[in-house]
Amino acid sequence: MLNIIFYFSGSGNSLKISKDVASQLGDCEIVHIAKAMKVPKVYSNSTIGIIFPVHFWGVPPIVKRFVAQLKTAGSPYIYAVANAGGTGAAVMKQLQKEMDKKT
């Protein structure tokens, strides 16, 4: 697969968003974060998406753990989509801090 989307969803909203994004990207695999964490591997996809809900104005703990163990090859374009019923607060800054820990 050229593109991969990792998602975490409780109510199904993030899964729906993942499917919508995947339909626009094409050649895309959608994987639940919990499933991906069970079998860690190195991802060499062109794009890597992380889609999740905002939990208590922040990044859900499972997403933080996933980012900490995420291994990539090459220089994939990594993006994130955070969905919230209210405000997203500073969730993208929080996620960037988690990604920065990897470098």
C-alpha atoms as a PDB file:
ATOM      1  CA  MET A   1       0.000   0.000   0.000  1.00  0.00           C
ATOM      2  CA  LEU A   2       1.182   3.456  -0.885  1.00  0.00           C
ATOM      3  CA  ASN A   3      -0.742   5.142   1.949  1.00  0.00           C
ATOM      4  CA  ILE A   4      -1.711   4.002   5.426  1.00  0.00           C
ATOM      5  CA  ILE A   5      -4.058   5.505   7.987  1.00  0.00           C
ATOM      6  CA  PHE A   6      -3.932   4.556  11.644  1.00  0.00           C
ATOM      7  CA  TYR A   7      -7.046   5.422  13.598  1.00  0.00           C
ATOM      8  CA  PHE A   8      -8.392   5.292  17.118  1.00  0.00           C
ATOM      9  CA  SER A   9     -12.155   5.522  17.498  1.00  0.00           C
ATOM     10  CA  GLY A  10     -14.616   4.929  20.271  1.00  0.00           C
ATOM     11  CA  SER A  11     -17.877   6.071  18.713  1.00  0.00           C
ATOM     12  CA  GLY A  12     -16.954   5.454  15.080  1.00  0.00           C
ATOM     13  CA  ASN A  13     -16.349   9.079  14.084  1.00  0.00           C
ATOM     14  CA  SER A  14     -12.608   8.647  13.536  1.00  0.00           C
ATOM     15  CA  LEU A  15     -13.190   5.463  11.542  1.00  0.00           C
ATOM     16  CA  LYS A  16     -15.651   7.326   9.302  1.00  0.00           C
ATOM     17  CA  ILE A  17     -13.141  10.142   8.784  1.00  0.00           C
ATOM     18  CA  SER A  18     -10.444   7.551   8.028  1.00  0.00           C
ATOM     19  CA  LYS A  19     -12.624   5.956   5.365  1.00  0.00           C
ATOM     20  CA  ASP A  20     -13.410   9.364   3.849  1.00  0.00           C
ATOM     21  CA  VAL A  21      -9.730  10.351   3.695  1.00  0.00           C
ATOM     22  CA  ALA A  22      -8.758   6.930   2.301  1.00  0.00           C
ATOM     23  CA  SER A  23     -11.340   7.215  -0.479  1.00  0.00           C
ATOM     24  CA  GLN A  24      -9.752  10.490  -1.565  1.00  0.00           C
ATOM     25  CA  LEU A  25      -6.167   9.214  -1.347  1.00  0.00           C
ATOM     26  CA  GLY A  26      -6.666   5.868  -3.045  1.00  0.00           C
ATOM     27  CA  ASP A  27      -4.294   2.904  -2.569  1.00  0.00           C
ATOM     28  CA  CYS A  28      -4.787   3.172   1.178  1.00  0.00           C
ATOM     29  CA  GLU A  29      -4.886   0.735   4.085  1.00  0.00           C
ATOM     30  CA  ILE A  30      -6.812   1.617   7.258  1.00  0.00           C
ATOM     31  CA  VAL A  31      -5.549   0.072  10.516  1.00  0.00           C
ATOM     32  CA  HIS A  32      -6.832   0.434  14.074  1.00  0.00           C
ATOM     33  CA  ILE A  33      -4.049   1.722  16.325  1.00  0.00           C
ATOM     34  CA  ALA A  34      -4.565  -1.030  18.922  1.00  0.00           C
ATOM     35  CA  LYS A  35      -4.114  -3.698  16.222  1.00  0.00           C
ATOM     36  CA  ALA A  36      -0.971  -2.017  14.877  1.00  0.00           C
ATOM     37  CA  MET A  37       0.534  -1.865  18.364  1.00  0.00           C
ATOM     38  CA  LYS A  38       0.206  -5.636  18.788  1.00  0.00           C
ATOM     39  CA  VAL A  39       2.578  -6.312  15.895  1.00  0.00           C
ATOM     40  CA  PRO A  40       5.076  -3.431  15.660  1.00  0.00           C
ATOM     41  CA  LYS A  41       6.838  -3.086  12.334  1.00  0.00           C
ATOM     42  CA  VAL A  42       8.612  -0.529  10.190  1.00  0.00           C
ATOM     43  CA  TYR A  43       6.290   1.365   7.855  1.00  0.00           C
ATOM     44  CA  SER A  44       7.646   2.506   4.509  1.00  0.00           C
ATOM     45  CA  ASN A  45       4.427   3.986   3.133  1.00  0.00           C
ATOM     46  CA  SER A  46       4.509   7.285   1.235  1.00  0.00           C
ATOM     47  CA  THR A  47       1.984   8.848   3.601  1.00  0.00           C
ATOM     48  CA  ILE A  48       1.070   7.934   7.151  1.00  0.00           C
ATOM     49  CA  GLY A  49      -2.081   9.346   8.690  1.00  0.00           C
ATOM     50  CA  ILE A  50      -3.050   9.319  12.343  1.00  0.00           C
ATOM     51  CA  ILE A  51      -6.727  10.014  12.982  1.00  0.00           C
ATOM     52  CA  PHE A  52      -8.168  10.221  16.484  1.00  0.00           C
ATOM     53  CA  PRO A  53     -10.698  11.989  18.715  1.00  0.00           C
ATOM     54  CA  VAL A  54      -9.704  14.722  21.147  1.00  0.00           C
ATOM     55  CA  HIS A  55      -9.923  13.364  24.708  1.00  0.00           C
ATOM     56  CA  PHE A  56     -10.247  15.899  27.498  1.00  0.00           C
ATOM     57  CA  TRP A  57      -8.585  18.603  25.320  1.00  0.00           C
ATOM     58  CA  GLY A  58      -5.675  16.353  24.521  1.00  0.00           C
ATOM     59  CA  VAL A  59      -4.209  13.420  22.633  1.00  0.00           C
ATOM     60  CA  PRO A  60      -5.562  10.064  23.865  1.00  0.00           C
ATOM     61  CA  PRO A  61      -2.959   8.034  25.781  1.00  0.00           C
ATOM     62  CA  ILE A  62      -3.133   5.140  23.298  1.00  0.00           C
ATOM     63  CA  VAL A  63      -2.229   7.523  20.462  1.00  0.00           C
ATOM     64  CA  LYS A  64       0.759   8.817  22.451  1.00  0.00           C
ATOM     65  CA  ARG A  65       1.950   5.237  23.037  1.00  0.00           C
ATOM     66  CA  PHE A  66       1.470   4.416  19.365  1.00  0.00           C
ATOM     67  CA  VAL A  67       3.486   7.430  18.231  1.00  0.00           C
ATOM     68  CA  ALA A  68       6.263   6.481  20.661  1.00  0.00           C
ATOM     69  CA  GLN A  69       6.615   3.028  19.081  1.00  0.00           C
ATOM     70  CA  LEU A  70       5.963   4.080  15.454  1.00  0.00           C
ATOM     71  CA  LYS A  71       8.931   3.243  13.228  1.00  0.00           C
ATOM     72  CA  THR A  72       9.204   4.503   9.671  1.00  0.00           C
ATOM     73  CA  ALA A  73      11.586   3.983   6.784  1.00  0.00           C
ATOM     74  CA  GLY A  74      12.437   6.708   4.326  1.00  0.00           C
ATOM     75  CA  SER A  75      10.774  10.070   4.716  1.00  0.00           C
ATOM     76  CA  PRO A  76       7.010   9.527   4.697  1.00  0.00           C
ATOM     77  CA  TYR A  77       4.640  12.463   4.853  1.00  0.00           C
ATOM     78  CA  ILE A  78       2.990  12.125   8.261  1.00  0.00           C
ATOM     79  CA  TYR A  79      -0.249  13.943   8.995  1.00  0.00           C
ATOM     80  CA  ALA A  80      -2.875  13.883  11.717  1.00  0.00           C
ATOM     81  CA  VAL A  81      -6.580  14.598  11.960  1.00  0.00           C
ATOM     82  CA  ALA A  82      -8.069  15.236  15.383  1.00  0.00           C
ATOM     83  CA  ASN A  83     -11.838  15.386  15.637  1.00  0.00           C
ATOM     84  CA  ALA A  84     -13.812  16.943  18.445  1.00  0.00           C
ATOM     85  CA  GLY A  85     -17.404  17.792  19.223  1.00  0.00           C
ATOM     86  CA  GLY A  86     -16.308  21.035  20.834  1.00  0.00           C
ATOM     87  CA  THR A  87     -12.811  22.441  20.805  1.00  0.00           C
ATOM     88  CA  GLY A  88      -9.594  20.780  19.749  1.00  0.00           C
ATOM     89  CA  ALA A  89      -7.604  22.882  22.232  1.00  0.00           C
ATOM     90  CA  ALA A  90      -3.847  22.489  21.670  1.00  0.00           C
ATOM     91  CA  VAL A  91      -4.030  18.849  20.623  1.00  0.00           C
ATOM     92  CA  MET A  92      -1.827  19.233  17.518  1.00  0.00           C
ATOM     93  CA  LYS A  93       0.905  20.936  19.550  1.00  0.00           C
ATOM     94  CA  GLN A  94       0.734  18.027  21.995  1.00  0.00           C
ATOM     95  CA  LEU A  95       1.021  15.505  19.171  1.00  0.00           C
ATOM     96  CA  GLN A  96       3.952  17.403  17.646  1.00  0.00           C
ATOM     97  CA  LYS A  97       5.770  17.169  20.991  1.00  0.00           C
ATOM     98  CA  GLU A  98       5.294  13.397  20.939  1.00  0.00           C
ATOM     99  CA  MET A  99       6.636  13.220  17.361  1.00  0.00           C
ATOM    100  CA  ASP A 100       9.582  15.475  18.252  1.00  0.00           C
ATOM    101  CA  LYS A 101      10.645  13.026  20.968  1.00  0.00           C
ATOM    102  CA  LYS A 102      11.398  10.559  18.187  1.00  0.00           C
ATOM    103  CA  THR A 103      14.129  12.677  16.563  1.00  0.00           C
END
